[in-house]
Amino acid sequence: MGAVANRLENKKISEIRQATPASLPKINTGNDSVATKIPSGTQIFTETPFITPNKDFYRIDTALSLPRIDIKTWALQIGGMVKTPLKLSYDDLLARPMVERTLTICCVSNEVGGPYIGNAIWQGVLLADLLNEAGVDPRAEQIFGTSADGWTCGFPVGAAFDGRDAIIAIGMNGTPLPLEHGFPARVIIPGLYGYVSATKWLTNLDLTTWSQEQGYWVPLGWSRDAPIKTQSRIDVPRRGENVAAGRIAIAGVAWAQQLGIEKVEVRIDNGDWQNATLALDFSDDTWRQWKYEFDAKPGNYQIQVRATDKTGETQTQEVSRPDPNGATGYHTRTIKVL
């Protein structure tokens, strides 16, 4: 039964991909295109690419299968508390001025040190431009997104207008948005966990008040407000990897969206915190690589990492689960040196 279901799902994906455009239009941003060239200094170790390839980008879906999208009839509707409701076809979106942004997004279900985070080059239309065209009622508090599979979420209206460059993305890493990641369009809001913002297979955006609508996860006990928390992760050495004695490297990524990473520190066996070397700071909305080297004799070592944002606030040591608004604590890894 499972094999049959997988074949049917793969057949459906193949059919929808045939309707996906082979390429995107040239980005019409003038001098605004900042992500087409990634400086080499952003990458100081190779195991975790600064830009996450589409095939490796995390996926968290509530539905058991991907929705079927007919691009000929699909439309994005913007309504609710607006002066002029909009209905935009895929071609309408393609014809609009586009921006390109390199942004890190993270799932709230990501455990400390977990894999549900990625950094990609997103291409799309600024959400603020669409909302300005629609004319937002000043009494509106929430932008409520609905997916083709019925999933919903909501985020503050202010997140579209506070300069963080919220976008309706139709491209990912230079290709049309893959079906698995929300084709034909998805919402990307820097600094907010996906469960309140990242509507994939987007069909509707409605301007509402908080009392009018609640997104999928909020009635289940998750927080309405969901800023991404400052975190850091050890990627090298890999879990369970044995390391040869001598000069060894500890490396990973850290993120503090909307704030930026100022410092990453490493400690060994609960010793003093030591500053790690930081990669080039691409932007406050992308993760930042770090690396620390030390001389190790044979034995077991406990490694911990912590990050400090540009306001001077260091991530908390307090351990908490992902629910209701994001995991906290220091990522800790034990390595064996031979």
C-alpha atoms as a PDB file:
ATOM      1  CA  MET A   1       0.000   0.000   0.000  1.00  0.00           C
ATOM      2  CA  GLY A   2       2.843   2.391   0.906  1.00  0.00           C
ATOM      3  CA  ALA A   3       4.635   1.705  -2.385  1.00  0.00           C
ATOM      4  CA  VAL A   4       1.456   2.382  -4.363  1.00  0.00           C
ATOM      5  CA  ALA A   5       0.885   5.638  -2.485  1.00  0.00           C
ATOM      6  CA  ASN A   6       4.458   6.723  -3.142  1.00  0.00           C
ATOM      7  CA  ARG A   7       4.124   5.996  -6.867  1.00  0.00           C
ATOM      8  CA  LEU A   8       0.905   7.995  -7.044  1.00  0.00           C
ATOM      9  CA  GLU A   9       2.475  10.897  -5.153  1.00  0.00           C
ATOM     10  CA  ASN A  10       5.543  10.886  -7.409  1.00  0.00           C
ATOM     11  CA  LYS A  11       3.290  10.792 -10.494  1.00  0.00           C
ATOM     12  CA  LYS A  12       1.362  13.796  -9.212  1.00  0.00           C
ATOM     13  CA  ILE A  13       4.567  15.716  -8.493  1.00  0.00           C
ATOM     14  CA  SER A  14       5.828  14.928 -11.995  1.00  0.00           C
ATOM     15  CA  GLU A  15       2.595  16.154 -13.584  1.00  0.00           C
ATOM     16  CA  ILE A  16       2.657  19.422 -11.661  1.00  0.00           C
ATOM     17  CA  ARG A  17       6.319  19.987 -12.412  1.00  0.00           C
ATOM     18  CA  GLN A  18       5.521  19.805 -16.115  1.00  0.00           C
ATOM     19  CA  ALA A  19       3.354  22.886 -15.619  1.00  0.00           C
ATOM     20  CA  THR A  20       6.117  24.737 -13.770  1.00  0.00           C
ATOM     21  CA  PRO A  21       7.920  27.367 -15.870  1.00  0.00           C
ATOM     22  CA  ALA A  22      11.452  26.416 -16.796  1.00  0.00           C
ATOM     23  CA  SER A  23      12.855  29.788 -15.809  1.00  0.00           C
ATOM     24  CA  LEU A  24      11.989  33.050 -14.137  1.00  0.00           C
ATOM     25  CA  PRO A  25      12.021  36.507 -15.697  1.00  0.00           C
ATOM     26  CA  LYS A  26      15.078  38.682 -15.282  1.00  0.00           C
ATOM     27  CA  ILE A  27      14.943  40.436 -11.944  1.00  0.00           C
ATOM     28  CA  ASN A  28      13.819  44.010 -12.454  1.00  0.00           C
ATOM     29  CA  THR A  29      15.418  45.586  -9.382  1.00  0.00           C
ATOM     30  CA  GLY A  30      17.970  48.040 -10.751  1.00  0.00           C
ATOM     31  CA  ASN A  31      20.678  48.337  -8.096  1.00  0.00           C
ATOM     32  CA  ASP A  32      18.486  46.496  -5.593  1.00  0.00           C
ATOM     33  CA  SER A  33      19.701  42.989  -6.408  1.00  0.00           C
ATOM     34  CA  VAL A  34      22.021  42.115  -3.530  1.00  0.00           C
ATOM     35  CA  ALA A  35      22.077  38.340  -3.579  1.00  0.00           C
ATOM     36  CA  THR A  36      23.196  37.422  -7.081  1.00  0.00           C
ATOM     37  CA  LYS A  37      26.816  37.168  -5.942  1.00  0.00           C
ATOM     38  CA  ILE A  38      27.645  35.617  -2.576  1.00  0.00           C
ATOM     39  CA  PRO A  39      31.057  36.765  -1.245  1.00  0.00           C
ATOM     40  CA  SER A  40      33.498  33.916  -0.687  1.00  0.00           C
ATOM     41  CA  GLY A  41      34.146  35.076   2.872  1.00  0.00           C
ATOM     42  CA  THR A  42      30.719  33.872   3.975  1.00  0.00           C
ATOM     43  CA  GLN A  43      31.948  30.257   3.712  1.00  0.00           C
ATOM     44  CA  ILE A  44      34.750  29.259   6.129  1.00  0.00           C
ATOM     45  CA  PHE A  45      34.036  25.530   6.278  1.00  0.00           C
ATOM     46  CA  THR A  46      32.583  23.277   3.609  1.00  0.00           C
ATOM     47  CA  GLU A  47      30.305  20.833   5.392  1.00  0.00           C
ATOM     48  CA  THR A  48      27.381  23.282   5.598  1.00  0.00           C
ATOM     49  CA  PRO A  49      26.982  25.457   2.473  1.00  0.00           C
ATOM     50  CA  PHE A  50      26.177  29.108   3.115  1.00  0.00           C
ATOM     51  CA  ILE A  51      23.387  28.719   0.540  1.00  0.00           C
ATOM     52  CA  THR A  52      21.327  25.595   1.181  1.00  0.00           C
ATOM     53  CA  PRO A  53      20.630  23.688  -2.077  1.00  0.00           C
ATOM     54  CA  ASN A  54      16.938  23.216  -2.844  1.00  0.00           C
ATOM     55  CA  LYS A  55      17.239  19.437  -2.573  1.00  0.00           C
ATOM     56  CA  ASP A  56      18.633  19.743   0.972  1.00  0.00           C
ATOM     57  CA  PHE A  57      16.288  22.455   2.225  1.00  0.00           C
ATOM     58  CA  TYR A  58      14.105  21.305   5.099  1.00  0.00           C
ATOM     59  CA  ARG A  59      10.390  20.583   4.696  1.00  0.00           C
ATOM     60  CA  ILE A  60       7.699  20.530   7.369  1.00  0.00           C
ATOM     61  CA  ASP A  61       4.162  19.911   6.077  1.00  0.00           C
ATOM     62  CA  THR A  62       0.954  19.186   7.979  1.00  0.00           C
ATOM     63  CA  ALA A  63      -0.722  17.451   5.026  1.00  0.00           C
ATOM     64  CA  LEU A  64       0.135  13.885   4.009  1.00  0.00           C
ATOM     65  CA  SER A  65       0.483  14.792   0.330  1.00  0.00           C
ATOM     66  CA  LEU A  66       1.315  17.817  -1.771  1.00  0.00           C
ATOM     67  CA  PRO A  67      -1.623  19.835  -3.126  1.00  0.00           C
ATOM     68  CA  ARG A  68      -2.438  19.665  -6.833  1.00  0.00           C
ATOM     69  CA  ILE A  69      -1.982  23.092  -8.399  1.00  0.00           C
ATOM     70  CA  ASP A  70      -3.368  24.055 -11.813  1.00  0.00           C
ATOM     71  CA  ILE A  71      -1.218  27.040 -12.694  1.00  0.00           C
ATOM     72  CA  LYS A  72      -3.697  28.111 -15.395  1.00  0.00           C
ATOM     73  CA  THR A  73      -6.438  28.699 -12.828  1.00  0.00           C
ATOM     74  CA  TRP A  74      -4.355  29.447  -9.727  1.00  0.00           C
ATOM     75  CA  ALA A  75      -4.586  32.955  -8.310  1.00  0.00           C
ATOM     76  CA  LEU A  76      -3.490  34.839  -5.227  1.00  0.00           C
ATOM     77  CA  GLN A  77      -6.355  36.784  -3.685  1.00  0.00           C
ATOM     78  CA  ILE A  78      -5.765  39.628  -1.240  1.00  0.00           C
ATOM     79  CA  GLY A  79      -8.880  40.652   0.636  1.00  0.00           C
ATOM     80  CA  GLY A  80     -10.497  41.241   3.985  1.00  0.00           C
ATOM     81  CA  MET A  81      -9.914  44.669   5.486  1.00  0.00           C
ATOM     82  CA  VAL A  82      -8.637  46.344   2.315  1.00  0.00           C
ATOM     83  CA  LYS A  83     -10.003  49.101   0.103  1.00  0.00           C
ATOM     84  CA  THR A  84      -9.452  47.287  -3.205  1.00  0.00           C
ATOM     85  CA  PRO A  85      -9.299  43.467  -3.170  1.00  0.00           C
ATOM     86  CA  LEU A  86      -6.741  41.986  -5.560  1.00  0.00           C
ATOM     87  CA  LYS A  87      -6.767  38.793  -7.598  1.00  0.00           C
ATOM     88  CA  LEU A  88      -3.402  38.026  -9.174  1.00  0.00           C
ATOM     89  CA  SER A  89      -2.613  35.211 -11.583  1.00  0.00           C
ATOM     90  CA  TYR A  90       0.839  33.655 -11.789  1.00  0.00           C
ATOM     91  CA  ASP A  91       1.523  35.709 -14.921  1.00  0.00           C
ATOM     92  CA  ASP A  92       0.453  38.840 -13.038  1.00  0.00           C
ATOM     93  CA  LEU A  93       3.096  38.147 -10.398  1.00  0.00           C
ATOM     94  CA  LEU A  94       5.746  37.405 -13.017  1.00  0.00           C
ATOM     95  CA  ALA A  95       5.069  40.754 -14.682  1.00  0.00           C
ATOM     96  CA  ARG A  96       5.685  42.764 -11.518  1.00  0.00           C
ATOM     97  CA  PRO A  97       8.964  44.317 -10.361  1.00  0.00           C
ATOM     98  CA  MET A  98      10.848  41.684  -8.424  1.00  0.00           C
ATOM     99  CA  VAL A  99      13.424  41.655  -5.678  1.00  0.00           C
ATOM    100  CA  GLU A 100      15.989  39.057  -4.732  1.00  0.00           C
ATOM    101  CA  ARG A 101      16.862  38.445  -1.088  1.00  0.00           C
ATOM    102  CA  THR A 102      19.145  35.997   0.684  1.00  0.00           C
ATOM    103  CA  LEU A 103      17.250  34.983   3.814  1.00  0.00           C
ATOM    104  CA  THR A 104      17.468  32.298   6.474  1.00  0.00           C
ATOM    105  CA  ILE A 105      14.205  30.707   7.582  1.00  0.00           C
ATOM    106  CA  CYS A 106      13.650  28.339  10.490  1.00  0.00           C
ATOM    107  CA  CYS A 107      10.890  26.033  11.699  1.00  0.00           C
ATOM    108  CA  VAL A 108       9.718  26.449  15.288  1.00  0.00           C
ATOM    109  CA  SER A 109       9.883  22.665  15.705  1.00  0.00           C
ATOM    110  CA  ASN A 110      13.654  22.825  15.288  1.00  0.00           C
ATOM    111  CA  GLU A 111      15.316  21.392  18.390  1.00  0.00           C
ATOM    112  CA  VAL A 112      18.543  22.954  19.658  1.00  0.00           C
ATOM    113  CA  GLY A 113      21.119  21.827  17.100  1.00  0.00           C
ATOM    114  CA  GLY A 114      18.378  20.611  14.757  1.00  0.00           C
ATOM    115  CA  PRO A 115      18.248  20.530  10.947  1.00  0.00           C
ATOM    116  CA  TYR A 116      15.054  22.509  10.291  1.00  0.00           C
ATOM    117  CA  ILE A 117      16.738  25.709   9.173  1.00  0.00           C
ATOM    118  CA  GLY A 118      18.091  26.797   5.804  1.00  0.00           C
ATOM    119  CA  ASN A 119      19.439  29.781   3.906  1.00  0.00           C
ATOM    120  CA  ALA A 120      18.326  30.468   0.341  1.00  0.00           C
ATOM    121  CA  ILE A 121      18.167  33.147  -2.338  1.00  0.00           C
ATOM    122  CA  TRP A 122      14.487  34.023  -2.694  1.00  0.00           C
ATOM    123  CA  GLN A 123      13.033  35.873  -5.671  1.00  0.00           C
ATOM    124  CA  GLY A 124       9.634  37.503  -5.518  1.00  0.00           C
ATOM    125  CA  VAL A 125       7.400  40.517  -5.069  1.00  0.00           C
ATOM    126  CA  LEU A 126       7.514  42.737  -2.011  1.00  0.00           C
ATOM    127  CA  LEU A 127       4.435  42.096   0.092  1.00  0.00           C
ATOM    128  CA  ALA A 128       4.257  45.769   1.047  1.00  0.00           C
ATOM    129  CA  ASP A 129       3.836  46.757  -2.605  1.00  0.00           C
ATOM    130  CA  LEU A 130       0.828  44.473  -3.003  1.00  0.00           C
ATOM    131  CA  LEU A 131      -0.749  45.636   0.248  1.00  0.00           C
ATOM    132  CA  ASN A 132      -0.241  49.294  -0.627  1.00  0.00           C
ATOM    133  CA  GLU A 133      -2.015  48.661  -3.905  1.00  0.00           C
ATOM    134  CA  ALA A 134      -4.893  46.993  -2.081  1.00  0.00           C
ATOM    135  CA  GLY A 135      -5.099  49.735   0.555  1.00  0.00           C
ATOM    136  CA  VAL A 136      -4.964  48.307   4.074  1.00  0.00           C
ATOM    137  CA  ASP A 137      -7.617  49.371   6.577  1.00  0.00           C
ATOM    138  CA  PRO A 138      -5.728  50.949   9.522  1.00  0.00           C
ATOM    139  CA  ARG A 139      -7.794  48.811  11.904  1.00  0.00           C
ATOM    140  CA  ALA A 140      -6.353  45.589  10.456  1.00  0.00           C
ATOM    141  CA  GLU A 141      -3.990  43.798  12.848  1.00  0.00           C
ATOM    142  CA  GLN A 142      -3.164  40.526  11.145  1.00  0.00           C
ATOM    143  CA  ILE A 143      -2.281  39.186   7.715  1.00  0.00           C
ATOM    144  CA  PHE A 144      -3.924  35.779   7.529  1.00  0.00           C
ATOM    145  CA  GLY A 145      -2.548  33.374   4.935  1.00  0.00           C
ATOM    146  CA  THR A 146      -4.285  30.324   3.501  1.00  0.00           C
ATOM    147  CA  SER A 147      -2.653  27.497   1.567  1.00  0.00           C
ATOM    148  CA  ALA A 148      -4.106  25.392  -1.232  1.00  0.00           C
ATOM    149  CA  ASP A 149      -4.125  22.479   1.222  1.00  0.00           C
ATOM    150  CA  GLY A 150      -6.174  24.450   3.777  1.00  0.00           C
ATOM    151  CA  TRP A 151      -3.335  25.291   6.168  1.00  0.00           C
ATOM    152  CA  THR A 152      -3.503  28.755   7.736  1.00  0.00           C
ATOM    153  CA  CYS A 153      -1.318  31.143   9.706  1.00  0.00           C
ATOM    154  CA  GLY A 154      -1.250  34.781  10.722  1.00  0.00           C
ATOM    155  CA  PHE A 155       1.374  37.449  11.389  1.00  0.00           C
ATOM    156  CA  PRO A 156       1.249  41.145  12.344  1.00  0.00           C
ATOM    157  CA  VAL A 157       0.484  43.674   9.608  1.00  0.00           C
ATOM    158  CA  GLY A 158       3.541  45.599  10.749  1.00  0.00           C
ATOM    159  CA  ALA A 159       5.838  42.797   9.590  1.00  0.00           C
ATOM    160  CA  ALA A 160       4.998  43.716   5.994  1.00  0.00           C
ATOM    161  CA  PHE A 161       5.876  47.393   6.425  1.00  0.00           C
ATOM    162  CA  ASP A 162       8.749  47.609   8.926  1.00  0.00           C
ATOM    163  CA  GLY A 163      11.537  47.296   6.356  1.00  0.00           C
ATOM    164  CA  ARG A 164      12.326  43.611   6.798  1.00  0.00           C
ATOM    165  CA  ASP A 165      11.450  42.921   3.134  1.00  0.00           C
ATOM    166  CA  ALA A 166       8.643  40.412   3.498  1.00  0.00           C
ATOM    167  CA  ILE A 167       8.078  38.864   0.080  1.00  0.00           C
ATOM    168  CA  ILE A 168       5.750  36.666  -1.908  1.00  0.00           C
ATOM    169  CA  ALA A 169       8.401  34.305  -3.239  1.00  0.00           C
ATOM    170  CA  ILE A 170       8.109  32.613  -6.616  1.00  0.00           C
ATOM    171  CA  GLY A 171      11.778  31.669  -7.012  1.00  0.00           C
ATOM    172  CA  MET A 172      14.341  29.820  -4.903  1.00  0.00           C
ATOM    173  CA  ASN A 173      18.077  29.738  -5.585  1.00  0.00           C
ATOM    174  CA  GLY A 174      17.665  30.870  -9.174  1.00  0.00           C
ATOM    175  CA  THR A 175      14.903  28.459 -10.193  1.00  0.00           C
ATOM    176  CA  PRO A 176      11.122  28.617 -10.042  1.00  0.00           C
ATOM    177  CA  LEU A 177       9.918  27.726  -6.560  1.00  0.00           C
ATOM    178  CA  PRO A 178       9.997  23.906  -6.313  1.00  0.00           C
ATOM    179  CA  LEU A 179       6.652  22.224  -5.770  1.00  0.00           C
ATOM    180  CA  GLU A 180       7.863  20.766  -2.479  1.00  0.00           C
ATOM    181  CA  HIS A 181       8.656  24.271  -1.235  1.00  0.00           C
ATOM    182  CA  GLY A 182       5.392  25.934  -2.168  1.00  0.00           C
ATOM    183  CA  PHE A 183       5.047  26.436  -5.935  1.00  0.00           C
ATOM    184  CA  PRO A 184       3.642  28.639  -7.303  1.00  0.00           C
ATOM    185  CA  ALA A 185       4.078  31.131  -4.439  1.00  0.00           C
ATOM    186  CA  ARG A 186       4.870  31.232  -0.736  1.00  0.00           C
ATOM    187  CA  VAL A 187       5.279  33.854   1.952  1.00  0.00           C
ATOM    188  CA  ILE A 188       8.753  34.602   3.346  1.00  0.00           C
ATOM    189  CA  ILE A 189       8.948  36.852   6.423  1.00  0.00           C
ATOM    190  CA  PRO A 190      12.452  37.413   7.820  1.00  0.00           C
ATOM    191  CA  GLY A 191      12.620  36.947  11.577  1.00  0.00           C
ATOM    192  CA  LEU A 192       9.400  34.995  12.122  1.00  0.00           C
ATOM    193  CA  TYR A 193       9.064  31.258  12.594  1.00  0.00           C
ATOM    194  CA  GLY A 194       7.344  29.535   9.700  1.00  0.00           C
ATOM    195  CA  TYR A 195       4.275  28.433  11.651  1.00  0.00           C
ATOM    196  CA  VAL A 196       3.021  32.034  11.776  1.00  0.00           C
ATOM    197  CA  SER A 197       4.262  33.216   8.397  1.00  0.00           C
ATOM    198  CA  ALA A 198       5.520  30.709   5.819  1.00  0.00           C
ATOM    199  CA  THR A 199       2.362  29.839   3.906  1.00  0.00           C
ATOM    200  CA  LYS A 200       3.299  27.562   1.000  1.00  0.00           C
ATOM    201  CA  TRP A 201       1.039  26.980  -2.044  1.00  0.00           C
ATOM    202  CA  LEU A 202      -0.400  30.375  -1.177  1.00  0.00           C
ATOM    203  CA  THR A 203      -3.943  31.161  -2.336  1.00  0.00           C
ATOM    204  CA  ASN A 204      -5.246  33.881  -0.012  1.00  0.00           C
ATOM    205  CA  LEU A 205      -4.005  36.726   2.153  1.00  0.00           C
ATOM    206  CA  ASP A 206      -6.736  38.344   4.231  1.00  0.00           C
ATOM    207  CA  LEU A 207      -6.349  41.414   6.393  1.00  0.00           C
ATOM    208  CA  THR A 208      -8.131  40.770   9.689  1.00  0.00           C
ATOM    209  CA  THR A 209      -8.010  41.417  13.414  1.00  0.00           C
ATOM    210  CA  TRP A 210      -6.537  38.914  15.862  1.00  0.00           C
ATOM    211  CA  SER A 211      -9.988  38.147  17.221  1.00  0.00           C
ATOM    212  CA  GLN A 212     -11.399  37.297  13.795  1.00  0.00           C
ATOM    213  CA  GLU A 213      -9.026  34.491  12.812  1.00  0.00           C
ATOM    214  CA  GLN A 214      -6.493  32.129  14.344  1.00  0.00           C
ATOM    215  CA  GLY A 215      -3.895  30.227  12.349  1.00  0.00           C
ATOM    216  CA  TYR A 216      -3.596  26.438  12.396  1.00  0.00           C
ATOM    217  CA  TRP A 217      -1.132  26.147  15.294  1.00  0.00           C
ATOM    218  CA  VAL A 218      -2.363  28.844  17.700  1.00  0.00           C
ATOM    219  CA  PRO A 219      -5.473  26.986  18.972  1.00  0.00           C
ATOM    220  CA  LEU A 220      -3.179  23.987  19.555  1.00  0.00           C
ATOM    221  CA  GLY A 221      -1.225  25.916  22.177  1.00  0.00           C
ATOM    222  CA  TRP A 222       1.535  27.602  20.190  1.00  0.00           C
ATOM    223  CA  SER A 223       2.235  31.311  20.692  1.00  0.00           C
ATOM    224  CA  ARG A 224       0.614  33.925  18.476  1.00  0.00           C
ATOM    225  CA  ASP A 225       3.827  35.965  18.370  1.00  0.00           C
ATOM    226  CA  ALA A 226       6.822  34.015  17.085  1.00  0.00           C
ATOM    227  CA  PRO A 227      10.110  35.876  16.541  1.00  0.00           C
ATOM    228  CA  ILE A 228      12.975  33.515  15.703  1.00  0.00           C
ATOM    229  CA  LYS A 229      15.265  33.108  18.712  1.00  0.00           C
ATOM    230  CA  THR A 230      19.022  33.556  18.642  1.00  0.00           C
ATOM    231  CA  GLN A 231      20.674  30.158  18.316  1.00  0.00           C
ATOM    232  CA  SER A 232      23.942  28.474  17.353  1.00  0.00           C
ATOM    233  CA  ARG A 233      24.744  24.982  16.106  1.00  0.00           C
ATOM    234  CA  ILE A 234      27.781  22.701  15.932  1.00  0.00           C
ATOM    235  CA  ASP A 235      28.093  21.102  12.486  1.00  0.00           C
ATOM    236  CA  VAL A 236      31.713  19.901  12.609  1.00  0.00           C
ATOM    237  CA  PRO A 237      32.673  17.305  13.730  1.00  0.00           C
ATOM    238  CA  ARG A 238      29.534  15.406  12.763  1.00  0.00           C
ATOM    239  CA  ARG A 239      27.626  13.505  15.417  1.00  0.00           C
ATOM    240  CA  GLY A 240      29.406  10.208  16.173  1.00  0.00           C
ATOM    241  CA  GLU A 241      32.471  11.144  14.137  1.00  0.00           C
ATOM    242  CA  ASN A 242      35.865  10.162  15.562  1.00  0.00           C
ATOM    243  CA  VAL A 243      38.615  12.764  15.221  1.00  0.00           C
ATOM    244  CA  ALA A 244      42.379  12.296  15.012  1.00  0.00           C
ATOM    245  CA  ALA A 245      44.434  13.857  17.798  1.00  0.00           C
ATOM    246  CA  GLY A 246      46.173  17.137  17.060  1.00  0.00           C
ATOM    247  CA  ARG A 247      44.812  20.443  15.798  1.00  0.00           C
ATOM    248  CA  ILE A 248      41.067  19.982  15.290  1.00  0.00           C
ATOM    249  CA  ALA A 249      38.351  22.324  14.074  1.00  0.00           C
ATOM    250  CA  ILE A 250      34.919  22.889  15.591  1.00  0.00           C
ATOM    251  CA  ALA A 251      32.585  24.747  13.236  1.00  0.00           C
ATOM    252  CA  GLY A 252      28.951  25.582  12.681  1.00  0.00           C
ATOM    253  CA  VAL A 253      26.377  28.301  12.097  1.00  0.00           C
ATOM    254  CA  ALA A 254      24.634  30.903  14.246  1.00  0.00           C
ATOM    255  CA  TRP A 255      21.639  33.134  13.598  1.00  0.00           C
ATOM    256  CA  ALA A 256      19.873  36.112  15.193  1.00  0.00           C
ATOM    257  CA  GLN A 257      17.434  37.385  12.598  1.00  0.00           C
ATOM    258  CA  GLN A 258      16.707  41.109  12.436  1.00  0.00           C
ATOM    259  CA  LEU A 259      19.577  41.588  14.911  1.00  0.00           C
ATOM    260  CA  GLY A 260      22.616  39.866  13.421  1.00  0.00           C
ATOM    261  CA  ILE A 261      25.399  37.828  15.003  1.00  0.00           C
ATOM    262  CA  GLU A 262      28.113  39.785  16.827  1.00  0.00           C
ATOM    263  CA  LYS A 263      29.990  36.983  18.557  1.00  0.00           C
ATOM    264  CA  VAL A 264      30.128  33.189  18.839  1.00  0.00           C
ATOM    265  CA  GLU A 265      31.892  31.468  21.724  1.00  0.00           C
ATOM    266  CA  VAL A 266      32.926  27.873  22.318  1.00  0.00           C
ATOM    267  CA  ARG A 267      33.811  26.117  25.534  1.00  0.00           C
ATOM    268  CA  ILE A 268      35.329  22.710  26.128  1.00  0.00           C
ATOM    269  CA  ASP A 269      34.491  20.537  29.142  1.00  0.00           C
ATOM    270  CA  ASN A 270      32.783  23.486  30.905  1.00  0.00           C
ATOM    271  CA  GLY A 271      35.957  25.574  30.751  1.00  0.00           C
ATOM    272  CA  ASP A 272      36.192  29.256  29.904  1.00  0.00           C
ATOM    273  CA  TRP A 273      34.342  30.570  26.875  1.00  0.00           C
ATOM    274  CA  GLN A 274      36.619  31.235  23.889  1.00  0.00           C
ATOM    275  CA  ASN A 275      35.835  33.443  20.892  1.00  0.00           C
ATOM    276  CA  ALA A 276      35.325  31.650  17.597  1.00  0.00           C
ATOM    277  CA  THR A 277      36.371  33.078  14.237  1.00  0.00           C
ATOM    278  CA  LEU A 278      33.378  34.460  12.341  1.00  0.00           C
ATOM    279  CA  ALA A 279      32.750  34.344   8.615  1.00  0.00           C
ATOM    280  CA  LEU A 280      31.891  37.476   6.670  1.00  0.00           C
ATOM    281  CA  ASP A 281      28.635  39.009   7.893  1.00  0.00           C
ATOM    282  CA  PHE A 282      26.377  38.877   4.831  1.00  0.00           C
ATOM    283  CA  SER A 283      23.314  40.389   6.530  1.00  0.00           C
ATOM    284  CA  ASP A 284      21.405  40.376   9.798  1.00  0.00           C
ATOM    285  CA  ASP A 285      18.808  38.088   8.203  1.00  0.00           C
ATOM    286  CA  THR A 286      21.161  35.262   7.249  1.00  0.00           C
ATOM    287  CA  TRP A 287      22.986  32.752   9.360  1.00  0.00           C
ATOM    288  CA  ARG A 288      26.683  33.279   9.960  1.00  0.00           C
ATOM    289  CA  GLN A 289      29.346  30.603   9.937  1.00  0.00           C
ATOM    290  CA  TRP A 290      31.883  30.270  12.752  1.00  0.00           C
ATOM    291  CA  LYS A 291      34.989  28.169  13.426  1.00  0.00           C
ATOM    292  CA  TYR A 292      37.178  27.381  16.443  1.00  0.00           C
ATOM    293  CA  GLU A 293      40.399  25.344  16.517  1.00  0.00           C
ATOM    294  CA  PHE A 294      42.233  23.757  19.441  1.00  0.00           C
ATOM    295  CA  ASP A 295      44.888  21.141  20.131  1.00  0.00           C
ATOM    296  CA  ALA A 296      43.344  17.906  21.365  1.00  0.00           C
ATOM    297  CA  LYS A 297      44.930  14.851  22.925  1.00  0.00           C
ATOM    298  CA  PRO A 298      43.154  11.458  22.791  1.00  0.00           C
ATOM    299  CA  GLY A 299      40.007  11.357  24.917  1.00  0.00           C
ATOM    300  CA  ASN A 300      36.402  12.521  25.057  1.00  0.00           C
ATOM    301  CA  TYR A 301      35.534  16.217  24.963  1.00  0.00           C
ATOM    302  CA  GLN A 302      32.249  18.004  25.589  1.00  0.00           C
ATOM    303  CA  ILE A 303      31.836  20.978  23.232  1.00  0.00           C
ATOM    304  CA  GLN A 304      29.276  23.769  23.750  1.00  0.00           C
ATOM    305  CA  VAL A 305      28.532  26.867  21.702  1.00  0.00           C
ATOM    306  CA  ARG A 306      26.642  30.096  22.306  1.00  0.00           C
ATOM    307  CA  ALA A 307      25.931  33.200  20.211  1.00  0.00           C
ATOM    308  CA  THR A 308      25.544  36.889  21.012  1.00  0.00           C
ATOM    309  CA  ASP A 309      23.526  39.265  18.841  1.00  0.00           C
ATOM    310  CA  LYS A 310      24.481  42.808  17.860  1.00  0.00           C
ATOM    311  CA  THR A 311      22.520  44.307  20.766  1.00  0.00           C
ATOM    312  CA  GLY A 312      24.845  42.458  23.135  1.00  0.00           C
ATOM    313  CA  GLU A 313      22.307  39.861  24.242  1.00  0.00           C
ATOM    314  CA  THR A 314      23.609  36.293  24.499  1.00  0.00           C
ATOM    315  CA  GLN A 315      21.331  33.346  23.826  1.00  0.00           C
ATOM    316  CA  THR A 316      19.919  31.813  26.975  1.00  0.00           C
ATOM    317  CA  GLN A 317      21.361  28.712  28.592  1.00  0.00           C
ATOM    318  CA  GLU A 318      17.899  27.722  29.801  1.00  0.00           C
ATOM    319  CA  VAL A 319      16.741  24.551  28.073  1.00  0.00           C
ATOM    320  CA  SER A 320      13.220  24.641  26.636  1.00  0.00           C
ATOM    321  CA  ARG A 321      11.236  22.588  24.148  1.00  0.00           C
ATOM    322  CA  PRO A 322      10.204  23.946  20.748  1.00  0.00           C
ATOM    323  CA  ASP A 323       6.645  24.492  21.948  1.00  0.00           C
ATOM    324  CA  PRO A 324       5.147  27.003  22.432  1.00  0.00           C
ATOM    325  CA  ASN A 325       7.536  29.454  20.714  1.00  0.00           C
ATOM    326  CA  GLY A 326      10.941  27.945  19.955  1.00  0.00           C
ATOM    327  CA  ALA A 327      13.619  25.801  21.595  1.00  0.00           C
ATOM    328  CA  THR A 328      16.402  27.318  23.692  1.00  0.00           C
ATOM    329  CA  GLY A 329      19.654  26.164  25.268  1.00  0.00           C
ATOM    330  CA  TYR A 330      23.266  25.617  24.263  1.00  0.00           C
ATOM    331  CA  HIS A 331      23.994  23.068  21.572  1.00  0.00           C
ATOM    332  CA  THR A 332      26.257  20.468  23.127  1.00  0.00           C
ATOM    333  CA  ARG A 333      28.200  17.710  21.414  1.00  0.00           C
ATOM    334  CA  THR A 334      30.631  15.115  22.763  1.00  0.00           C
ATOM    335  CA  ILE A 335      33.491  14.191  20.451  1.00  0.00           C
ATOM    336  CA  LYS A 336      35.975  11.341  20.681  1.00  0.00           C
ATOM    337  CA  VAL A 337      39.582  12.107  19.809  1.00  0.00           C
ATOM    338  CA  LEU A 338      41.741   9.098  18.907  1.00  0.00           C
END
